[in-house]
Amino acid sequence: MIIWIVYQFYLSQMKEKLPIFSVFALIIALMIALGWSGATAANTWDILAYYGISRLNVISDQIAFGIL
């Protein structure tokens, strides 16, 4: 939400503004993508290790999932 507040402050200094719904949707999509990046990396790592493509590193897997 800090990104949203900073962006709104930045928009208050500009003359042209984007539609508020599109800006809100973009910010929410960005926050969801950042929030799920750790779980996505951990799950991808587990799937690759299951099929023998990569080795399973438990500590790195826990760190990646902990980002979530």
PDB file of N, CA and C in Angstrom:
ATOM      1  N   MET A   1       0.810  -1.205   0.000  1.00  0.00           N
ATOM      2  CA  MET A   1       0.000   0.000   0.000  1.00  0.00           C
ATOM      3  C   MET A   1       0.855   1.271   0.000  1.00  0.00           C
ATOM      4  N   ILE A   2       2.111   1.134   0.421  1.00  0.00           N
ATOM      5  CA  ILE A   2       3.011   2.289   0.373  1.00  0.00           C
ATOM      6  C   ILE A   2       3.217   2.730  -1.075  1.00  0.00           C
ATOM      7  N   ILE A   3       3.320   1.758  -1.979  1.00  0.00           N
ATOM      8  CA  ILE A   3       3.471   2.083  -3.402  1.00  0.00           C
ATOM      9  C   ILE A   3       2.275   2.896  -3.875  1.00  0.00           C
ATOM     10  N   TRP A   4       1.072   2.513  -3.426  1.00  0.00           N
ATOM     11  CA  TRP A   4      -0.148   3.216  -3.804  1.00  0.00           C
ATOM     12  C   TRP A   4      -0.127   4.658  -3.298  1.00  0.00           C
ATOM     13  N   ILE A   5       0.297   4.868  -2.069  1.00  0.00           N
ATOM     14  CA  ILE A   5       0.334   6.211  -1.496  1.00  0.00           C
ATOM     15  C   ILE A   5       1.348   7.082  -2.221  1.00  0.00           C
ATOM     16  N   VAL A   6       2.531   6.533  -2.489  1.00  0.00           N
ATOM     17  CA  VAL A   6       3.554   7.298  -3.205  1.00  0.00           C
ATOM     18  C   VAL A   6       3.073   7.638  -4.608  1.00  0.00           C
ATOM     19  N   TYR A   7       2.425   6.669  -5.260  1.00  0.00           N
ATOM     20  CA  TYR A   7       1.923   6.927  -6.610  1.00  0.00           C
ATOM     21  C   TYR A   7       0.857   8.017  -6.601  1.00  0.00           C
ATOM     22  N   GLN A   8      -0.032   8.009  -5.619  1.00  0.00           N
ATOM     23  CA  GLN A   8      -1.060   9.043  -5.544  1.00  0.00           C
ATOM     24  C   GLN A   8      -0.457  10.414  -5.282  1.00  0.00           C
ATOM     25  N   PHE A   9       0.591  10.460  -4.471  1.00  0.00           N
ATOM     26  CA  PHE A   9       1.280  11.729  -4.247  1.00  0.00           C
ATOM     27  C   PHE A   9       1.924  12.224  -5.531  1.00  0.00           C
ATOM     28  N   TYR A  10       2.507  11.295  -6.284  1.00  0.00           N
ATOM     29  CA  TYR A  10       3.128  11.650  -7.557  1.00  0.00           C
ATOM     30  C   TYR A  10       2.071  12.153  -8.540  1.00  0.00           C
ATOM     31  N   LEU A  11       0.898  11.499  -8.570  1.00  0.00           N
ATOM     32  CA  LEU A  11      -0.160  11.936  -9.478  1.00  0.00           C
ATOM     33  C   LEU A  11      -0.725  13.298  -9.107  1.00  0.00           C
ATOM     34  N   SER A  12      -0.719  13.625  -7.826  1.00  0.00           N
ATOM     35  CA  SER A  12      -1.278  14.918  -7.425  1.00  0.00           C
ATOM     36  C   SER A  12      -0.430  16.075  -7.953  1.00  0.00           C
ATOM     37  N   GLN A  13       0.818  15.792  -8.334  1.00  0.00           N
ATOM     38  CA  GLN A  13       1.679  16.839  -8.870  1.00  0.00           C
ATOM     39  C   GLN A  13       1.630  16.899 -10.395  1.00  0.00           C
ATOM     40  N   MET A  14       0.983  15.939 -11.030  1.00  0.00           N
ATOM     41  CA  MET A  14       0.890  15.917 -12.487  1.00  0.00           C
ATOM     42  C   MET A  14      -0.445  16.497 -12.943  1.00  0.00           C
ATOM     43  N   LYS A  15      -0.485  16.984 -14.189  1.00  0.00           N
ATOM     44  CA  LYS A  15      -1.728  17.504 -14.742  1.00  0.00           C
ATOM     45  C   LYS A  15      -2.578  16.384 -15.323  1.00  0.00           C
ATOM     46  N   GLU A  16      -1.936  15.438 -15.993  1.00  0.00           N
ATOM     47  CA  GLU A  16      -2.667  14.332 -16.604  1.00  0.00           C
ATOM     48  C   GLU A  16      -2.663  13.142 -15.659  1.00  0.00           C
ATOM     49  N   LYS A  17      -3.833  12.539 -15.480  1.00  0.00           N
ATOM     50  CA  LYS A  17      -3.944  11.382 -14.600  1.00  0.00           C
ATOM     51  C   LYS A  17      -4.552  10.215 -15.357  1.00  0.00           C
ATOM     52  N   LEU A  18      -4.140   9.027 -14.970  1.00  0.00           N
ATOM     53  CA  LEU A  18      -4.758   7.822 -15.504  1.00  0.00           C
ATOM     54  C   LEU A  18      -6.072   7.578 -14.785  1.00  0.00           C
ATOM     55  N   PRO A  19      -6.975   6.813 -15.406  1.00  0.00           N
ATOM     56  CA  PRO A  19      -8.209   6.463 -14.694  1.00  0.00           C
ATOM     57  C   PRO A  19      -7.884   5.703 -13.413  1.00  0.00           C
ATOM     58  N   ILE A  20      -8.551   6.053 -12.338  1.00  0.00           N
ATOM     59  CA  ILE A  20      -8.203   5.519 -11.031  1.00  0.00           C
ATOM     60  C   ILE A  20      -8.392   4.005 -10.966  1.00  0.00           C
ATOM     61  N   PHE A  21      -9.406   3.466 -11.643  1.00  0.00           N
ATOM     62  CA  PHE A  21      -9.619   2.017 -11.599  1.00  0.00           C
ATOM     63  C   PHE A  21      -8.480   1.266 -12.275  1.00  0.00           C
ATOM     64  N   SER A  22      -7.982   1.763 -13.392  1.00  0.00           N
ATOM     65  CA  SER A  22      -6.886   1.076 -14.079  1.00  0.00           C
ATOM     66  C   SER A  22      -5.600   1.138 -13.265  1.00  0.00           C
ATOM     67  N   VAL A  23      -5.349   2.253 -12.606  1.00  0.00           N
ATOM     68  CA  VAL A  23      -4.161   2.372 -11.763  1.00  0.00           C
ATOM     69  C   VAL A  23      -4.271   1.411 -10.580  1.00  0.00           C
ATOM     70  N   PHE A  24      -5.444   1.354  -9.956  1.00  0.00           N
ATOM     71  CA  PHE A  24      -5.651   0.449  -8.828  1.00  0.00           C
ATOM     72  C   PHE A  24      -5.461  -1.002  -9.266  1.00  0.00           C
ATOM     73  N   ALA A  25      -5.998  -1.370 -10.422  1.00  0.00           N
ATOM     74  CA  ALA A  25      -5.857  -2.741 -10.921  1.00  0.00           C
ATOM     75  C   ALA A  25      -4.400  -3.074 -11.210  1.00  0.00           C
ATOM     76  N   LEU A  26      -3.657  -2.148 -11.772  1.00  0.00           N
ATOM     77  CA  LEU A  26      -2.240  -2.385 -12.051  1.00  0.00           C
ATOM     78  C   LEU A  26      -1.416  -2.553 -10.770  1.00  0.00           C
ATOM     79  N   ILE A  27      -1.692  -1.721  -9.785  1.00  0.00           N
ATOM     80  CA  ILE A  27      -0.961  -1.809  -8.524  1.00  0.00           C
ATOM     81  C   ILE A  27      -1.287  -3.124  -7.808  1.00  0.00           C
ATOM     82  N   ILE A  28      -2.546  -3.520  -7.792  1.00  0.00           N
ATOM     83  CA  ILE A  28      -2.938  -4.783  -7.156  1.00  0.00           C
ATOM     84  C   ILE A  28      -2.299  -5.963  -7.891  1.00  0.00           C
ATOM     85  N   ALA A  29      -2.278  -5.929  -9.228  1.00  0.00           N
ATOM     86  CA  ALA A  29      -1.647  -7.008  -9.995  1.00  0.00           C
ATOM     87  C   ALA A  29      -0.155  -7.089  -9.677  1.00  0.00           C
ATOM     88  N   LEU A  30       0.494  -5.963  -9.535  1.00  0.00           N
ATOM     89  CA  LEU A  30       1.914  -5.943  -9.194  1.00  0.00           C
ATOM     90  C   LEU A  30       2.152  -6.525  -7.802  1.00  0.00           C
ATOM     91  N   MET A  31       1.313  -6.158  -6.844  1.00  0.00           N
ATOM     92  CA  MET A  31       1.481  -6.670  -5.486  1.00  0.00           C
ATOM     93  C   MET A  31       1.215  -8.169  -5.424  1.00  0.00           C
ATOM     94  N   ILE A  32       0.245  -8.671  -6.179  1.00  0.00           N
ATOM     95  CA  ILE A  32      -0.021 -10.107  -6.216  1.00  0.00           C
ATOM     96  C   ILE A  32       1.155 -10.845  -6.835  1.00  0.00           C
ATOM     97  N   ALA A  33       1.696 -10.324  -7.919  1.00  0.00           N
ATOM     98  CA  ALA A  33       2.836 -10.968  -8.575  1.00  0.00           C
ATOM     99  C   ALA A  33       4.044 -11.023  -7.646  1.00  0.00           C
ATOM    100  N   LEU A  34       4.317  -9.951  -6.929  1.00  0.00           N
ATOM    101  CA  LEU A  34       5.437  -9.947  -5.992  1.00  0.00           C
ATOM    102  C   LEU A  34       5.182 -10.866  -4.804  1.00  0.00           C
ATOM    103  N   GLY A  35       3.949 -10.893  -4.348  1.00  0.00           N
ATOM    104  CA  GLY A  35       3.606 -11.718  -3.193  1.00  0.00           C
ATOM    105  C   GLY A  35       3.699 -13.202  -3.458  1.00  0.00           C
ATOM    106  N   TRP A  36       3.341 -13.624  -4.648  1.00  0.00           N
ATOM    107  CA  TRP A  36       3.352 -15.051  -4.968  1.00  0.00           C
ATOM    108  C   TRP A  36       4.658 -15.516  -5.596  1.00  0.00           C
ATOM    109  N   SER A  37       5.635 -14.630  -5.767  1.00  0.00           N
ATOM    110  CA  SER A  37       6.884 -15.023  -6.424  1.00  0.00           C
ATOM    111  C   SER A  37       7.646 -16.077  -5.627  1.00  0.00           C
ATOM    112  N   GLY A  38       7.647 -15.979  -4.312  1.00  0.00           N
ATOM    113  CA  GLY A  38       8.351 -16.958  -3.498  1.00  0.00           C
ATOM    114  C   GLY A  38       7.732 -18.339  -3.582  1.00  0.00           C
ATOM    115  N   ALA A  39       6.414 -18.403  -3.495  1.00  0.00           N
ATOM    116  CA  ALA A  39       5.735 -19.700  -3.590  1.00  0.00           C
ATOM    117  C   ALA A  39       5.896 -20.302  -4.979  1.00  0.00           C
ATOM    118  N   THR A  40       5.861 -19.475  -5.996  1.00  0.00           N
ATOM    119  CA  THR A  40       6.043 -19.968  -7.365  1.00  0.00           C
ATOM    120  C   THR A  40       7.446 -20.544  -7.540  1.00  0.00           C
ATOM    121  N   ALA A  41       8.452 -19.854  -7.038  1.00  0.00           N
ATOM    122  CA  ALA A  41       9.827 -20.356  -7.144  1.00  0.00           C
ATOM    123  C   ALA A  41       9.996 -21.659  -6.366  1.00  0.00           C
ATOM    124  N   ALA A  42       9.438 -21.725  -5.161  1.00  0.00           N
ATOM    125  CA  ALA A  42       9.576 -22.933  -4.344  1.00  0.00           C
ATOM    126  C   ALA A  42       8.858 -24.120  -4.986  1.00  0.00           C
ATOM    127  N   ASN A  43       7.661 -23.910  -5.489  1.00  0.00           N
ATOM    128  CA  ASN A  43       6.911 -25.006  -6.112  1.00  0.00           C
ATOM    129  C   ASN A  43       7.566 -25.476  -7.404  1.00  0.00           C
ATOM    130  N   THR A  44       8.079 -24.539  -8.189  1.00  0.00           N
ATOM    131  CA  THR A  44       8.777 -24.911  -9.418  1.00  0.00           C
ATOM    132  C   THR A  44      10.025 -25.724  -9.092  1.00  0.00           C
ATOM    133  N   TRP A  45      10.748 -25.309  -8.067  1.00  0.00           N
ATOM    134  CA  TRP A  45      11.935 -26.019  -7.632  1.00  0.00           C
ATOM    135  C   TRP A  45      11.579 -27.443  -7.201  1.00  0.00           C
ATOM    136  N   ASP A  46      10.485 -27.605  -6.441  1.00  0.00           N
ATOM    137  CA  ASP A  46      10.053 -28.934  -6.002  1.00  0.00           C
ATOM    138  C   ASP A  46       9.676 -29.828  -7.175  1.00  0.00           C
ATOM    139  N   ILE A  47       8.969 -29.275  -8.139  1.00  0.00           N
ATOM    140  CA  ILE A  47       8.553 -30.062  -9.315  1.00  0.00           C
ATOM    141  C   ILE A  47       9.768 -30.484 -10.131  1.00  0.00           C
ATOM    142  N   LEU A  48      10.719 -29.573 -10.338  1.00  0.00           N
ATOM    143  CA  LEU A  48      11.930 -29.929 -11.082  1.00  0.00           C
ATOM    144  C   LEU A  48      12.742 -30.989 -10.344  1.00  0.00           C
ATOM    145  N   ALA A  49      12.790 -30.920  -9.013  1.00  0.00           N
ATOM    146  CA  ALA A  49      13.518 -31.926  -8.238  1.00  0.00           C
ATOM    147  C   ALA A  49      12.798 -33.275  -8.294  1.00  0.00           C
ATOM    148  N   TYR A  50      11.477 -33.261  -8.310  1.00  0.00           N
ATOM    149  CA  TYR A  50      10.709 -34.505  -8.373  1.00  0.00           C
ATOM    150  C   TYR A  50      11.003 -35.267  -9.669  1.00  0.00           C
ATOM    151  N   TYR A  51      11.122 -34.539 -10.762  1.00  0.00           N
ATOM    152  CA  TYR A  51      11.401 -35.178 -12.054  1.00  0.00           C
ATOM    153  C   TYR A  51      12.896 -35.365 -12.307  1.00  0.00           C
ATOM    154  N   GLY A  52      13.744 -35.025 -11.358  1.00  0.00           N
ATOM    155  CA  GLY A  52      15.176 -35.259 -11.477  1.00  0.00           C
ATOM    156  C   GLY A  52      15.913 -34.247 -12.327  1.00  0.00           C
ATOM    157  N   ILE A  53      15.304 -33.135 -12.636  1.00  0.00           N
ATOM    158  CA  ILE A  53      15.958 -32.118 -13.455  1.00  0.00           C
ATOM    159  C   ILE A  53      16.945 -31.304 -12.607  1.00  0.00           C
ATOM    160  N   SER A  54      16.591 -31.052 -11.372  1.00  0.00           N
ATOM    161  CA  SER A  54      17.476 -30.332 -10.460  1.00  0.00           C
ATOM    162  C   SER A  54      17.543 -31.095  -9.138  1.00  0.00           C
ATOM    163  N   ARG A  55      18.492 -30.693  -8.292  1.00  0.00           N
ATOM    164  CA  ARG A  55      18.606 -31.317  -6.985  1.00  0.00           C
ATOM    165  C   ARG A  55      17.772 -30.543  -5.981  1.00  0.00           C
ATOM    166  N   LEU A  56      17.241 -31.239  -4.996  1.00  0.00           N
ATOM    167  CA  LEU A  56      16.432 -30.597  -3.967  1.00  0.00           C
ATOM    168  C   LEU A  56      17.347 -30.062  -2.872  1.00  0.00           C
ATOM    169  N   ASN A  57      17.286 -28.767  -2.644  1.00  0.00           N
ATOM    170  CA  ASN A  57      18.017 -28.120  -1.570  1.00  0.00           C
ATOM    171  C   ASN A  57      16.977 -27.597  -0.588  1.00  0.00           C
ATOM    172  N   VAL A  58      16.868 -28.264   0.552  1.00  0.00           N
ATOM    173  CA  VAL A  58      15.789 -27.965   1.494  1.00  0.00           C
ATOM    174  C   VAL A  58      15.890 -26.550   2.040  1.00  0.00           C
ATOM    175  N   ILE A  59      17.090 -26.101   2.359  1.00  0.00           N
ATOM    176  CA  ILE A  59      17.250 -24.758   2.922  1.00  0.00           C
ATOM    177  C   ILE A  59      16.865 -23.690   1.898  1.00  0.00           C
ATOM    178  N   SER A  60      17.334 -23.834   0.678  1.00  0.00           N
ATOM    179  CA  SER A  60      16.975 -22.856  -0.370  1.00  0.00           C
ATOM    180  C   SER A  60      15.485 -22.892  -0.661  1.00  0.00           C
ATOM    181  N   ASP A  61      14.895 -24.073  -0.609  1.00  0.00           N
ATOM    182  CA  ASP A  61      13.462 -24.196  -0.833  1.00  0.00           C
ATOM    183  C   ASP A  61      12.681 -23.488   0.262  1.00  0.00           C
ATOM    184  N   GLN A  62      13.111 -23.641   1.505  1.00  0.00           N
ATOM    185  CA  GLN A  62      12.429 -22.967   2.611  1.00  0.00           C
ATOM    186  C   GLN A  62      12.591 -21.443   2.520  1.00  0.00           C
ATOM    187  N   ILE A  63      13.750 -20.993   2.083  1.00  0.00           N
ATOM    188  CA  ILE A  63      13.967 -19.548   1.928  1.00  0.00           C
ATOM    189  C   ILE A  63      13.061 -19.000   0.827  1.00  0.00           C
ATOM    190  N   ALA A  64      12.984 -19.704  -0.301  1.00  0.00           N
ATOM    191  CA  ALA A  64      12.136 -19.247  -1.402  1.00  0.00           C
ATOM    192  C   ALA A  64      10.680 -19.210  -0.982  1.00  0.00           C
ATOM    193  N   PHE A  65      10.232 -20.235  -0.266  1.00  0.00           N
ATOM    194  CA  PHE A  65       8.831 -20.250   0.172  1.00  0.00           C
ATOM    195  C   PHE A  65       8.591 -19.216   1.264  1.00  0.00           C
ATOM    196  N   GLY A  66       9.624 -18.923   2.062  1.00  0.00           N
ATOM    197  CA  GLY A  66       9.486 -17.938   3.120  1.00  0.00           C
ATOM    198  C   GLY A  66       9.273 -16.524   2.597  1.00  0.00           C
ATOM    199  N   ILE A  67       9.642 -16.273   1.352  1.00  0.00           N
ATOM    200  CA  ILE A  67       9.391 -14.971   0.742  1.00  0.00           C
ATOM    201  C   ILE A  67       7.890 -14.694   0.687  1.00  0.00           C
ATOM    202  N   LEU A  68       7.119 -15.763   0.548  1.00  0.00           N
ATOM    203  CA  LEU A  68       5.649 -15.613   0.510  1.00  0.00           C
ATOM    204  C   LEU A  68       5.156 -14.977   1.793  1.00  0.00           C
TER     205      LEU A  68
END
